[in-house]
Amino acid sequence: MQGTRRGAADGRCDAGPLRWRTAAERALYGPGGFYLRPEGPAGHFRTSVHASPLFAAAVARLLADTAGRLDTDEVALVDIGAGRGELLSGILAAVPDGLAVRPYGVERAPRPSGLDPRIAWRTEPPAGVSGLLFANEWLDNVPVDIAETGPDGVVRYVLVRPDGSEEPGDPVEGPDAEWLARWWPSAGPGTRAEIGRPRDEAWAAAVATLERGLAVAVDYAHVRDARPPFGTLTGFRAGREVPPVPDGSSDLTAHVALDACALPGAELLGQREALHRLGVSGARPPLSLATTDPAAYVRALAAAGEAAELTARGGLGDFGWLMQSVGLEGTTGALRDCRP
């Protein structure tokens, strides 16, 4: 196994090796962990939320559509992995008149200063609410164990030290082995897999908090027939991709097996299609508008550029959207056409 040696954030590199799930949990959410830092995720990487307000406006349309399907003018909005409240703030600014929203930010970091007082800040999603539960780039930060197939064909847990160096651990057995056999079978010696069972369980628990409504998870993803043979675990710090080192100095993320997370009746599609259904298009405005209303043309052109980034192949458009309806009827899919 290849190991990347770096000094740990606290200067110690002599701690014993741990499974990746435990090491990542400490590095991300333990004392001084990456996600508890004041700057938040936005200080280190760019998401759809930060790329354009068009994303929050699209989710606001989805929220309004969900309220319509619930036949109510008062609806809950639960943002899991809320960061510093950027998405919630954007959605609230775009909600149509006449729709009352009860917003919840679910995050392990403390409540940000200056946040809209309407937003309830919690470490767990509220139970028994009806509305829209939205998890943007949350599941990729639910820590998972890493497995690697050895030269003898045995699939073992990968152990890691705070400096990023790795070594093989015990053979994978029990529920983890069953998960791998179903969702990420070994492709032979030297190949790796990320055991997504904790994410399946986290998503099922989140969906179970909804009494009625729609649950949506958005993340970089892959499906069973196209699993990456060497995994996707990586790090991000200050806007750059860096080696994954569990010392608290960087984000630790791995793409999500969204097909494994999906519950019966779920819909899975790409962000490009999802945002198109929600009215986000990268189409350029007609040139005639430049003559009749130059200022409107410039605004429309800027919006088209932002929409193009949100839906670009090879970029943000490659995100997967997992949608799960709870107690909603009358549609063939979880995400309807909600273009304005």
C-alpha atoms as a PDB file:
ATOM      1  CA  MET A   1       0.000   0.000   0.000  1.00  0.00           C
ATOM      2  CA  GLN A   2       1.100   3.499  -0.734  1.00  0.00           C
ATOM      3  CA  GLY A   3       1.319   5.813   2.261  1.00  0.00           C
ATOM      4  CA  THR A   4       1.697   9.586   2.244  1.00  0.00           C
ATOM      5  CA  ARG A   5       3.786  10.779   5.172  1.00  0.00           C
ATOM      6  CA  ARG A   6       3.051  14.216   6.600  1.00  0.00           C
ATOM      7  CA  GLY A   7       3.462  15.742  10.018  1.00  0.00           C
ATOM      8  CA  ALA A   8       0.336  15.570  12.137  1.00  0.00           C
ATOM      9  CA  ALA A   9      -1.364  18.823  13.091  1.00  0.00           C
ATOM     10  CA  ASP A  10      -0.395  18.401  16.727  1.00  0.00           C
ATOM     11  CA  GLY A  11       3.186  17.455  15.835  1.00  0.00           C
ATOM     12  CA  ARG A  12       2.775  13.756  16.730  1.00  0.00           C
ATOM     13  CA  CYS A  13       3.280  10.986  14.180  1.00  0.00           C
ATOM     14  CA  ASP A  14       3.665   8.093  16.609  1.00  0.00           C
ATOM     15  CA  ALA A  15       0.020   7.263  17.281  1.00  0.00           C
ATOM     16  CA  GLY A  16      -1.026   3.722  16.506  1.00  0.00           C
ATOM     17  CA  PRO A  17      -2.819   2.928  13.268  1.00  0.00           C
ATOM     18  CA  LEU A  18      -6.622   3.080  13.138  1.00  0.00           C
ATOM     19  CA  ARG A  19      -9.244   2.085  10.637  1.00  0.00           C
ATOM     20  CA  TRP A  20      -9.939   4.930   8.257  1.00  0.00           C
ATOM     21  CA  ARG A  21     -13.475   5.443   9.555  1.00  0.00           C
ATOM     22  CA  THR A  22     -12.276   6.081  13.103  1.00  0.00           C
ATOM     23  CA  ALA A  23      -9.313   8.186  11.997  1.00  0.00           C
ATOM     24  CA  ALA A  24     -11.456  10.352   9.710  1.00  0.00           C
ATOM     25  CA  GLU A  25     -14.130  10.835  12.376  1.00  0.00           C
ATOM     26  CA  ARG A  26     -11.503  12.229  14.758  1.00  0.00           C
ATOM     27  CA  ALA A  27      -9.829  14.368  12.091  1.00  0.00           C
ATOM     28  CA  LEU A  28     -13.071  15.919  10.858  1.00  0.00           C
ATOM     29  CA  TYR A  29     -15.222  16.170  13.970  1.00  0.00           C
ATOM     30  CA  GLY A  30     -12.985  15.596  17.011  1.00  0.00           C
ATOM     31  CA  PRO A  31     -11.459  18.385  19.125  1.00  0.00           C
ATOM     32  CA  GLY A  32      -9.936  20.903  16.715  1.00  0.00           C
ATOM     33  CA  GLY A  33     -11.352  18.906  13.798  1.00  0.00           C
ATOM     34  CA  PHE A  34     -11.494  20.282  10.292  1.00  0.00           C
ATOM     35  CA  TYR A  35     -15.255  20.867  10.218  1.00  0.00           C
ATOM     36  CA  LEU A  36     -15.259  22.668  13.553  1.00  0.00           C
ATOM     37  CA  ARG A  37     -12.902  25.399  12.346  1.00  0.00           C
ATOM     38  CA  PRO A  38     -14.272  28.966  12.225  1.00  0.00           C
ATOM     39  CA  GLU A  39     -13.832  29.395   8.458  1.00  0.00           C
ATOM     40  CA  GLY A  40     -16.052  26.428   7.647  1.00  0.00           C
ATOM     41  CA  PRO A  41     -16.031  24.406   4.427  1.00  0.00           C
ATOM     42  CA  ALA A  42     -16.306  27.507   2.229  1.00  0.00           C
ATOM     43  CA  GLY A  43     -12.788  28.443   3.268  1.00  0.00           C
ATOM     44  CA  HIS A  44     -11.394  25.332   1.616  1.00  0.00           C
ATOM     45  CA  PHE A  45     -13.499  24.209  -1.337  1.00  0.00           C
ATOM     46  CA  ARG A  46     -16.193  25.427  -3.710  1.00  0.00           C
ATOM     47  CA  THR A  47     -19.590  23.759  -3.872  1.00  0.00           C
ATOM     48  CA  SER A  48     -22.687  24.404  -5.971  1.00  0.00           C
ATOM     49  CA  VAL A  49     -23.969  26.596  -3.139  1.00  0.00           C
ATOM     50  CA  HIS A  50     -20.960  28.885  -3.421  1.00  0.00           C
ATOM     51  CA  ALA A  51     -20.842  28.816  -7.230  1.00  0.00           C
ATOM     52  CA  SER A  52     -24.121  30.645  -7.820  1.00  0.00           C
ATOM     53  CA  PRO A  53     -27.326  31.793  -6.095  1.00  0.00           C
ATOM     54  CA  LEU A  54     -29.116  29.949  -8.900  1.00  0.00           C
ATOM     55  CA  PHE A  55     -28.597  26.730  -6.949  1.00  0.00           C
ATOM     56  CA  ALA A  56     -30.398  27.996  -3.837  1.00  0.00           C
ATOM     57  CA  ALA A  57     -33.159  29.461  -6.031  1.00  0.00           C
ATOM     58  CA  ALA A  58     -33.646  26.053  -7.671  1.00  0.00           C
ATOM     59  CA  VAL A  59     -33.927  24.358  -4.277  1.00  0.00           C
ATOM     60  CA  ALA A  60     -36.437  27.058  -3.253  1.00  0.00           C
ATOM     61  CA  ARG A  61     -38.574  26.058  -6.245  1.00  0.00           C
ATOM     62  CA  LEU A  62     -38.272  22.430  -5.184  1.00  0.00           C
ATOM     63  CA  LEU A  63     -39.355  23.421  -1.669  1.00  0.00           C
ATOM     64  CA  ALA A  64     -42.374  25.272  -3.022  1.00  0.00           C
ATOM     65  CA  ASP A  65     -43.287  22.290  -5.209  1.00  0.00           C
ATOM     66  CA  THR A  66     -42.997  19.980  -2.208  1.00  0.00           C
ATOM     67  CA  ALA A  67     -45.327  22.272  -0.252  1.00  0.00           C
ATOM     68  CA  GLY A  68     -47.794  22.078  -3.128  1.00  0.00           C
ATOM     69  CA  ARG A  69     -47.674  18.301  -3.117  1.00  0.00           C
ATOM     70  CA  LEU A  70     -48.265  18.397   0.632  1.00  0.00           C
ATOM     71  CA  ASP A  71     -51.164  20.825   0.074  1.00  0.00           C
ATOM     72  CA  THR A  72     -49.864  23.262   2.668  1.00  0.00           C
ATOM     73  CA  ASP A  73     -48.586  26.825   2.833  1.00  0.00           C
ATOM     74  CA  GLU A  74     -46.302  26.036   5.810  1.00  0.00           C
ATOM     75  CA  VAL A  75     -43.418  23.651   5.273  1.00  0.00           C
ATOM     76  CA  ALA A  76     -40.233  22.503   6.999  1.00  0.00           C
ATOM     77  CA  LEU A  77     -36.819  22.879   5.361  1.00  0.00           C
ATOM     78  CA  VAL A  78     -34.068  20.705   6.846  1.00  0.00           C
ATOM     79  CA  ASP A  79     -30.513  21.295   5.596  1.00  0.00           C
ATOM     80  CA  ILE A  80     -28.229  18.445   6.719  1.00  0.00           C
ATOM     81  CA  GLY A  81     -24.544  19.327   6.619  1.00  0.00           C
ATOM     82  CA  ALA A  82     -25.502  22.987   6.675  1.00  0.00           C
ATOM     83  CA  GLY A  83     -21.950  24.344   6.825  1.00  0.00           C
ATOM     84  CA  ARG A  84     -22.339  27.933   7.920  1.00  0.00           C
ATOM     85  CA  GLY A  85     -25.923  28.291   6.719  1.00  0.00           C
ATOM     86  CA  GLU A  86     -25.122  29.520   3.204  1.00  0.00           C
ATOM     87  CA  LEU A  87     -27.667  27.328   1.413  1.00  0.00           C
ATOM     88  CA  LEU A  88     -30.409  27.942   3.958  1.00  0.00           C
ATOM     89  CA  SER A  89     -29.910  31.691   3.724  1.00  0.00           C
ATOM     90  CA  GLY A  90     -30.059  31.569  -0.065  1.00  0.00           C
ATOM     91  CA  ILE A  91     -33.218  29.457  -0.099  1.00  0.00           C
ATOM     92  CA  LEU A  92     -35.007  31.720   2.379  1.00  0.00           C
ATOM     93  CA  ALA A  93     -34.156  34.720   0.208  1.00  0.00           C
ATOM     94  CA  ALA A  94     -35.719  33.004  -2.822  1.00  0.00           C
ATOM     95  CA  VAL A  95     -38.866  31.492  -1.270  1.00  0.00           C
ATOM     96  CA  PRO A  96     -42.030  32.770  -3.003  1.00  0.00           C
ATOM     97  CA  ASP A  97     -44.413  35.027  -1.126  1.00  0.00           C
ATOM     98  CA  GLY A  98     -47.123  33.246   0.791  1.00  0.00           C
ATOM     99  CA  LEU A  99     -45.034  30.204   1.748  1.00  0.00           C
ATOM    100  CA  ALA A 100     -44.136  29.978   5.436  1.00  0.00           C
ATOM    101  CA  VAL A 101     -40.914  28.056   6.047  1.00  0.00           C
ATOM    102  CA  ARG A 102     -39.615  26.476   9.254  1.00  0.00           C
ATOM    103  CA  PRO A 103     -35.876  26.157   8.529  1.00  0.00           C
ATOM    104  CA  TYR A 104     -33.479  23.857  10.366  1.00  0.00           C
ATOM    105  CA  GLY A 105     -29.702  23.783   9.982  1.00  0.00           C
ATOM    106  CA  VAL A 106     -28.202  20.423  10.972  1.00  0.00           C
ATOM    107  CA  GLU A 107     -24.476  20.664  11.626  1.00  0.00           C
ATOM    108  CA  ARG A 108     -21.965  19.541  14.242  1.00  0.00           C
ATOM    109  CA  ALA A 109     -20.215  22.913  14.266  1.00  0.00           C
ATOM    110  CA  PRO A 110     -21.585  25.671  16.531  1.00  0.00           C
ATOM    111  CA  ARG A 111     -24.266  28.034  15.243  1.00  0.00           C
ATOM    112  CA  PRO A 112     -22.658  30.725  13.051  1.00  0.00           C
ATOM    113  CA  SER A 113     -22.879  34.319  14.192  1.00  0.00           C
ATOM    114  CA  GLY A 114     -25.264  36.549  12.270  1.00  0.00           C
ATOM    115  CA  LEU A 115     -27.416  33.672  11.036  1.00  0.00           C
ATOM    116  CA  ASP A 116     -31.065  34.418  10.245  1.00  0.00           C
ATOM    117  CA  PRO A 117     -32.881  34.067  13.603  1.00  0.00           C
ATOM    118  CA  ARG A 118     -35.618  32.016  11.915  1.00  0.00           C
ATOM    119  CA  ILE A 119     -33.157  29.152  11.437  1.00  0.00           C
ATOM    120  CA  ALA A 120     -33.125  26.554  14.217  1.00  0.00           C
ATOM    121  CA  TRP A 121     -29.585  25.150  14.588  1.00  0.00           C
ATOM    122  CA  ARG A 122     -29.318  21.504  15.642  1.00  0.00           C
ATOM    123  CA  THR A 123     -26.863  18.613  15.707  1.00  0.00           C
ATOM    124  CA  GLU A 124     -29.559  16.130  14.610  1.00  0.00           C
ATOM    125  CA  PRO A 125     -32.458  16.515  12.180  1.00  0.00           C
ATOM    126  CA  PRO A 126     -35.852  17.165  13.771  1.00  0.00           C
ATOM    127  CA  ALA A 127     -38.233  14.214  13.876  1.00  0.00           C
ATOM    128  CA  GLY A 128     -41.784  14.145  12.562  1.00  0.00           C
ATOM    129  CA  VAL A 129     -41.635  17.162  10.237  1.00  0.00           C
ATOM    130  CA  SER A 130     -43.188  17.506   6.795  1.00  0.00           C
ATOM    131  CA  GLY A 131     -41.348  19.247   3.994  1.00  0.00           C
ATOM    132  CA  LEU A 132     -37.998  19.098   2.213  1.00  0.00           C
ATOM    133  CA  LEU A 133     -34.898  17.479   3.679  1.00  0.00           C
ATOM    134  CA  PHE A 134     -31.837  18.474   1.640  1.00  0.00           C
ATOM    135  CA  ALA A 135     -28.303  17.110   2.124  1.00  0.00           C
ATOM    136  CA  ASN A 136     -25.789  18.798  -0.158  1.00  0.00           C
ATOM    137  CA  GLU A 137     -22.336  17.178   0.036  1.00  0.00           C
ATOM    138  CA  TRP A 138     -23.078  15.633   3.415  1.00  0.00           C
ATOM    139  CA  LEU A 139     -22.802  11.906   2.766  1.00  0.00           C
ATOM    140  CA  ASP A 140     -19.302  12.192   1.287  1.00  0.00           C
ATOM    141  CA  ASN A 141     -18.137  13.380   4.704  1.00  0.00           C
ATOM    142  CA  VAL A 142     -19.759  10.540   6.629  1.00  0.00           C
ATOM    143  CA  PRO A 143     -16.566   8.584   7.417  1.00  0.00           C
ATOM    144  CA  VAL A 144     -16.213   5.090   6.005  1.00  0.00           C
ATOM    145  CA  ASP A 145     -13.681   2.289   6.277  1.00  0.00           C
ATOM    146  CA  ILE A 146     -11.345   1.535   3.394  1.00  0.00           C
ATOM    147  CA  ALA A 147     -10.731  -2.027   2.240  1.00  0.00           C
ATOM    148  CA  GLU A 148      -7.950  -3.360   0.010  1.00  0.00           C
ATOM    149  CA  THR A 149      -7.508  -6.765  -1.593  1.00  0.00           C
ATOM    150  CA  GLY A 150      -4.082  -8.244  -0.814  1.00  0.00           C
ATOM    151  CA  PRO A 151      -1.858 -10.374  -3.066  1.00  0.00           C
ATOM    152  CA  ASP A 152      -3.432 -13.449  -1.451  1.00  0.00           C
ATOM    153  CA  GLY A 153      -6.915 -12.315  -2.508  1.00  0.00           C
ATOM    154  CA  VAL A 154      -7.997 -11.536   1.066  1.00  0.00           C
ATOM    155  CA  VAL A 155      -9.904  -8.252   1.507  1.00  0.00           C
ATOM    156  CA  ARG A 156      -8.586  -6.424   4.565  1.00  0.00           C
ATOM    157  CA  TYR A 157      -9.316  -3.171   6.320  1.00  0.00           C
ATOM    158  CA  VAL A 158      -6.772  -0.433   5.635  1.00  0.00           C
ATOM    159  CA  LEU A 159      -5.227   1.066   8.783  1.00  0.00           C
ATOM    160  CA  VAL A 160      -3.837   4.603   8.788  1.00  0.00           C
ATOM    161  CA  ARG A 161      -1.678   6.708  11.090  1.00  0.00           C
ATOM    162  CA  PRO A 162      -2.047  10.479  11.671  1.00  0.00           C
ATOM    163  CA  ASP A 163       0.735  11.109   9.139  1.00  0.00           C
ATOM    164  CA  GLY A 164      -1.194   9.279   6.400  1.00  0.00           C
ATOM    165  CA  SER A 165       0.959   6.137   6.271  1.00  0.00           C
ATOM    166  CA  GLU A 166      -1.034   2.935   5.873  1.00  0.00           C
ATOM    167  CA  GLU A 167      -0.821  -0.770   6.587  1.00  0.00           C
ATOM    168  CA  PRO A 168      -3.142  -3.773   6.184  1.00  0.00           C
ATOM    169  CA  GLY A 169      -5.429  -4.717   9.053  1.00  0.00           C
ATOM    170  CA  ASP A 170      -7.799  -7.576   9.808  1.00  0.00           C
ATOM    171  CA  PRO A 171      -9.841  -9.291   7.110  1.00  0.00           C
ATOM    172  CA  VAL A 172     -13.202  -7.673   6.384  1.00  0.00           C
ATOM    173  CA  GLU A 173     -15.986  -9.835   7.800  1.00  0.00           C
ATOM    174  CA  GLY A 174     -19.640  -9.680   8.872  1.00  0.00           C
ATOM    175  CA  PRO A 175     -21.957  -6.892   7.641  1.00  0.00           C
ATOM    176  CA  ASP A 176     -19.078  -4.990   5.995  1.00  0.00           C
ATOM    177  CA  ALA A 177     -18.131  -8.055   3.953  1.00  0.00           C
ATOM    178  CA  GLU A 178     -21.766  -8.548   2.994  1.00  0.00           C
ATOM    179  CA  TRP A 179     -21.999  -4.917   1.891  1.00  0.00           C
ATOM    180  CA  LEU A 180     -18.883  -5.240  -0.272  1.00  0.00           C
ATOM    181  CA  ALA A 181     -20.142  -8.440  -1.870  1.00  0.00           C
ATOM    182  CA  ARG A 182     -23.389  -6.754  -2.855  1.00  0.00           C
ATOM    183  CA  TRP A 183     -22.289  -3.251  -3.715  1.00  0.00           C
ATOM    184  CA  TRP A 184     -18.517  -3.167  -4.372  1.00  0.00           C
ATOM    185  CA  PRO A 185     -17.058  -6.608  -5.164  1.00  0.00           C
ATOM    186  CA  SER A 186     -13.273  -6.837  -5.272  1.00  0.00           C
ATOM    187  CA  ALA A 187     -11.713  -6.331  -8.693  1.00  0.00           C
ATOM    188  CA  GLY A 188      -8.577  -8.250  -7.706  1.00  0.00           C
ATOM    189  CA  PRO A 189      -5.320  -7.804  -5.760  1.00  0.00           C
ATOM    190  CA  GLY A 190      -4.292  -4.210  -5.182  1.00  0.00           C
ATOM    191  CA  THR A 191      -7.763  -2.742  -5.676  1.00  0.00           C
ATOM    192  CA  ARG A 192      -9.578  -0.752  -3.009  1.00  0.00           C
ATOM    193  CA  ALA A 193     -13.129  -0.079  -1.952  1.00  0.00           C
ATOM    194  CA  GLU A 194     -14.867   2.343   0.378  1.00  0.00           C
ATOM    195  CA  ILE A 195     -17.334   0.509   2.613  1.00  0.00           C
ATOM    196  CA  GLY A 196     -20.419   2.708   2.339  1.00  0.00           C
ATOM    197  CA  ARG A 197     -22.576   0.964   4.929  1.00  0.00           C
ATOM    198  CA  PRO A 198     -22.395   3.887   7.439  1.00  0.00           C
ATOM    199  CA  ARG A 199     -23.699   6.207   4.721  1.00  0.00           C
ATOM    200  CA  ASP A 200     -26.586   3.876   3.900  1.00  0.00           C
ATOM    201  CA  GLU A 201     -27.524   3.873   7.569  1.00  0.00           C
ATOM    202  CA  ALA A 202     -27.092   7.639   7.972  1.00  0.00           C
ATOM    203  CA  TRP A 203     -29.298   8.334   4.955  1.00  0.00           C
ATOM    204  CA  ALA A 204     -31.993   5.881   6.062  1.00  0.00           C
ATOM    205  CA  ALA A 205     -32.040   7.495   9.512  1.00  0.00           C
ATOM    206  CA  ALA A 206     -32.326  10.984   7.987  1.00  0.00           C
ATOM    207  CA  VAL A 207     -35.197   9.971   5.699  1.00  0.00           C
ATOM    208  CA  ALA A 208     -36.977   8.359   8.659  1.00  0.00           C
ATOM    209  CA  THR A 209     -37.239  11.757  10.365  1.00  0.00           C
ATOM    210  CA  LEU A 210     -39.658  12.948   7.668  1.00  0.00           C
ATOM    211  CA  GLU A 211     -43.339  12.354   8.343  1.00  0.00           C
ATOM    212  CA  ARG A 212     -44.138  13.405   4.777  1.00  0.00           C
ATOM    213  CA  GLY A 213     -42.172  15.158   2.090  1.00  0.00           C
ATOM    214  CA  LEU A 214     -39.097  14.799  -0.069  1.00  0.00           C
ATOM    215  CA  ALA A 215     -35.535  13.893   0.934  1.00  0.00           C
ATOM    216  CA  VAL A 216     -32.680  14.783  -1.431  1.00  0.00           C
ATOM    217  CA  ALA A 217     -28.984  13.892  -1.201  1.00  0.00           C
ATOM    218  CA  VAL A 218     -26.558  15.580  -3.608  1.00  0.00           C
ATOM    219  CA  ASP A 219     -22.991  14.313  -3.930  1.00  0.00           C
ATOM    220  CA  TYR A 220     -20.266  13.154  -6.263  1.00  0.00           C
ATOM    221  CA  ALA A 221     -21.285   9.552  -6.789  1.00  0.00           C
ATOM    222  CA  HIS A 222     -20.776   6.281  -8.631  1.00  0.00           C
ATOM    223  CA  VAL A 223     -22.871   3.171  -9.247  1.00  0.00           C
ATOM    224  CA  ARG A 224     -22.140  -0.542  -8.921  1.00  0.00           C
ATOM    225  CA  ASP A 225     -21.258  -1.139 -12.563  1.00  0.00           C
ATOM    226  CA  ALA A 226     -18.714   1.688 -12.553  1.00  0.00           C
ATOM    227  CA  ARG A 227     -16.987   1.639  -9.178  1.00  0.00           C
ATOM    228  CA  PRO A 228     -13.489   3.169  -9.262  1.00  0.00           C
ATOM    229  CA  PRO A 229     -11.034   0.260  -8.771  1.00  0.00           C
ATOM    230  CA  PHE A 230      -8.736   2.231  -6.455  1.00  0.00           C
ATOM    231  CA  GLY A 231     -11.361   4.253  -4.597  1.00  0.00           C
ATOM    232  CA  THR A 232     -11.873   7.999  -4.401  1.00  0.00           C
ATOM    233  CA  LEU A 233     -10.595   8.996  -0.950  1.00  0.00           C
ATOM    234  CA  THR A 234      -8.853  12.371  -1.111  1.00  0.00           C
ATOM    235  CA  GLY A 235      -8.297  15.601   0.818  1.00  0.00           C
ATOM    236  CA  PHE A 236      -8.968  19.298   0.213  1.00  0.00           C
ATOM    237  CA  ARG A 237      -7.371  22.306   1.835  1.00  0.00           C
ATOM    238  CA  ALA A 238      -7.439  26.003   0.883  1.00  0.00           C
ATOM    239  CA  GLY A 239      -9.062  25.281  -2.464  1.00  0.00           C
ATOM    240  CA  ARG A 240      -6.626  22.584  -3.547  1.00  0.00           C
ATOM    241  CA  GLU A 241      -6.760  18.809  -3.627  1.00  0.00           C
ATOM    242  CA  VAL A 242      -4.203  17.286  -1.249  1.00  0.00           C
ATOM    243  CA  PRO A 243      -3.334  13.745  -0.112  1.00  0.00           C
ATOM    244  CA  PRO A 244      -5.778  12.336   2.451  1.00  0.00           C
ATOM    245  CA  VAL A 245      -4.112  12.703   5.837  1.00  0.00           C
ATOM    246  CA  PRO A 246      -6.233  12.270   9.005  1.00  0.00           C
ATOM    247  CA  ASP A 247      -4.552  14.950  11.100  1.00  0.00           C
ATOM    248  CA  GLY A 248      -7.324  17.577  11.052  1.00  0.00           C
ATOM    249  CA  SER A 249      -5.526  19.866   8.604  1.00  0.00           C
ATOM    250  CA  SER A 250      -7.753  19.125   5.582  1.00  0.00           C
ATOM    251  CA  ASP A 251     -11.113  17.849   4.483  1.00  0.00           C
ATOM    252  CA  LEU A 252     -11.388  14.093   3.943  1.00  0.00           C
ATOM    253  CA  THR A 253     -13.912  13.025   1.359  1.00  0.00           C
ATOM    254  CA  ALA A 254     -14.839  10.046  -0.802  1.00  0.00           C
ATOM    255  CA  HIS A 255     -17.493   9.763  -3.478  1.00  0.00           C
ATOM    256  CA  VAL A 256     -20.774   8.133  -2.495  1.00  0.00           C
ATOM    257  CA  ALA A 257     -22.330   4.866  -3.645  1.00  0.00           C
ATOM    258  CA  LEU A 258     -25.716   6.548  -3.934  1.00  0.00           C
ATOM    259  CA  ASP A 259     -27.292   3.460  -5.473  1.00  0.00           C
ATOM    260  CA  ALA A 260     -26.519   1.599  -2.248  1.00  0.00           C
ATOM    261  CA  CYS A 261     -28.055   4.402  -0.155  1.00  0.00           C
ATOM    262  CA  ALA A 262     -31.262   4.447  -2.189  1.00  0.00           C
ATOM    263  CA  LEU A 263     -34.390   3.184  -0.471  1.00  0.00           C
ATOM    264  CA  PRO A 264     -37.265   1.539  -2.390  1.00  0.00           C
ATOM    265  CA  GLY A 265     -38.954   3.978  -4.761  1.00  0.00           C
ATOM    266  CA  ALA A 266     -36.025   6.408  -4.908  1.00  0.00           C
ATOM    267  CA  GLU A 267     -35.038   8.311  -8.041  1.00  0.00           C
ATOM    268  CA  LEU A 268     -31.374   8.763  -8.991  1.00  0.00           C
ATOM    269  CA  LEU A 269     -30.190  11.187 -11.662  1.00  0.00           C
ATOM    270  CA  GLY A 270     -27.414  13.651 -12.396  1.00  0.00           C
ATOM    271  CA  GLN A 271     -27.298  17.288 -11.316  1.00  0.00           C
ATOM    272  CA  ARG A 272     -27.408  18.441 -14.929  1.00  0.00           C
ATOM    273  CA  GLU A 273     -30.833  16.884 -15.458  1.00  0.00           C
ATOM    274  CA  ALA A 274     -32.061  17.731 -11.964  1.00  0.00           C
ATOM    275  CA  LEU A 275     -31.266  21.432 -12.325  1.00  0.00           C
ATOM    276  CA  HIS A 276     -32.713  21.539 -15.829  1.00  0.00           C
ATOM    277  CA  ARG A 277     -35.991  20.274 -14.366  1.00  0.00           C
ATOM    278  CA  LEU A 278     -35.729  23.059 -11.786  1.00  0.00           C
ATOM    279  CA  GLY A 279     -35.262  25.766 -14.390  1.00  0.00           C
ATOM    280  CA  VAL A 280     -31.487  26.180 -14.367  1.00  0.00           C
ATOM    281  CA  SER A 281     -30.183  26.312 -17.935  1.00  0.00           C
ATOM    282  CA  GLY A 282     -26.891  27.445 -19.409  1.00  0.00           C
ATOM    283  CA  ALA A 283     -28.551  28.614 -22.620  1.00  0.00           C
ATOM    284  CA  ARG A 284     -27.374  32.047 -23.750  1.00  0.00           C
ATOM    285  CA  PRO A 285     -29.993  34.809 -23.963  1.00  0.00           C
ATOM    286  CA  PRO A 286     -31.102  35.891 -27.458  1.00  0.00           C
ATOM    287  CA  LEU A 287     -28.892  38.521 -29.056  1.00  0.00           C
ATOM    288  CA  SER A 288     -31.972  40.599 -29.770  1.00  0.00           C
ATOM    289  CA  LEU A 289     -32.187  41.312 -26.030  1.00  0.00           C
ATOM    290  CA  ALA A 290     -28.846  43.119 -26.222  1.00  0.00           C
ATOM    291  CA  THR A 291     -30.506  45.667 -28.514  1.00  0.00           C
ATOM    292  CA  THR A 292     -33.807  46.081 -26.704  1.00  0.00           C
ATOM    293  CA  ASP A 293     -32.506  45.908 -23.109  1.00  0.00           C
ATOM    294  CA  PRO A 294     -28.691  45.831 -22.828  1.00  0.00           C
ATOM    295  CA  ALA A 295     -28.688  45.702 -19.012  1.00  0.00           C
ATOM    296  CA  ALA A 296     -31.058  42.721 -18.973  1.00  0.00           C
ATOM    297  CA  TYR A 297     -28.902  41.002 -21.597  1.00  0.00           C
ATOM    298  CA  VAL A 298     -25.794  41.378 -19.426  1.00  0.00           C
ATOM    299  CA  ARG A 299     -27.624  39.987 -16.397  1.00  0.00           C
ATOM    300  CA  ALA A 300     -29.004  37.071 -18.394  1.00  0.00           C
ATOM    301  CA  LEU A 301     -25.583  36.351 -19.864  1.00  0.00           C
ATOM    302  CA  ALA A 302     -24.002  36.272 -16.391  1.00  0.00           C
ATOM    303  CA  ALA A 303     -26.746  33.948 -15.139  1.00  0.00           C
ATOM    304  CA  ALA A 304     -26.223  31.657 -18.126  1.00  0.00           C
ATOM    305  CA  GLY A 305     -22.522  31.430 -17.262  1.00  0.00           C
ATOM    306  CA  GLU A 306     -23.294  30.497 -13.683  1.00  0.00           C
ATOM    307  CA  ALA A 307     -25.874  27.944 -14.816  1.00  0.00           C
ATOM    308  CA  ALA A 308     -23.340  26.447 -17.203  1.00  0.00           C
ATOM    309  CA  GLU A 309     -20.912  25.928 -14.313  1.00  0.00           C
ATOM    310  CA  LEU A 310     -23.585  24.258 -12.174  1.00  0.00           C
ATOM    311  CA  THR A 311     -24.483  21.829 -14.960  1.00  0.00           C
ATOM    312  CA  ALA A 312     -21.101  21.313 -16.647  1.00  0.00           C
ATOM    313  CA  ARG A 313     -20.044  17.785 -17.534  1.00  0.00           C
ATOM    314  CA  GLY A 314     -16.780  16.930 -15.830  1.00  0.00           C
ATOM    315  CA  GLY A 315     -17.594  19.402 -13.044  1.00  0.00           C
ATOM    316  CA  LEU A 316     -20.537  20.246 -10.811  1.00  0.00           C
ATOM    317  CA  GLY A 317     -22.959  18.792 -13.335  1.00  0.00           C
ATOM    318  CA  ASP A 318     -21.594  15.329 -12.528  1.00  0.00           C
ATOM    319  CA  PHE A 319     -23.059  15.333  -9.017  1.00  0.00           C
ATOM    320  CA  GLY A 320     -25.663  12.679  -8.351  1.00  0.00           C
ATOM    321  CA  TRP A 321     -29.096  13.532  -6.943  1.00  0.00           C
ATOM    322  CA  LEU A 322     -30.816  10.872  -4.842  1.00  0.00           C
ATOM    323  CA  MET A 323     -34.473  11.705  -4.223  1.00  0.00           C
ATOM    324  CA  GLN A 324     -36.780   9.889  -1.870  1.00  0.00           C
ATOM    325  CA  SER A 325     -40.467  10.692  -1.555  1.00  0.00           C
ATOM    326  CA  VAL A 326     -42.108  10.012   1.797  1.00  0.00           C
ATOM    327  CA  GLY A 327     -45.876   9.788   1.821  1.00  0.00           C
ATOM    328  CA  LEU A 328     -46.293  11.747  -1.420  1.00  0.00           C
ATOM    329  CA  GLU A 329     -48.530  10.535  -4.211  1.00  0.00           C
ATOM    330  CA  GLY A 330     -49.645  11.618  -7.635  1.00  0.00           C
ATOM    331  CA  THR A 331     -46.289  11.748  -9.499  1.00  0.00           C
ATOM    332  CA  THR A 332     -44.193   9.175 -11.289  1.00  0.00           C
ATOM    333  CA  GLY A 333     -40.886  10.560 -10.051  1.00  0.00           C
ATOM    334  CA  ALA A 334     -39.554  12.205  -6.905  1.00  0.00           C
ATOM    335  CA  LEU A 335     -38.368  15.244  -8.863  1.00  0.00           C
ATOM    336  CA  ARG A 336     -40.970  16.776 -11.136  1.00  0.00           C
ATOM    337  CA  ASP A 337     -40.468  19.483 -13.714  1.00  0.00           C
ATOM    338  CA  CYS A 338     -40.484  22.630 -11.559  1.00  0.00           C
ATOM    339  CA  ARG A 339     -39.298  25.212 -14.074  1.00  0.00           C
ATOM    340  CA  PRO A 340     -40.666  28.697 -13.365  1.00  0.00           C
END
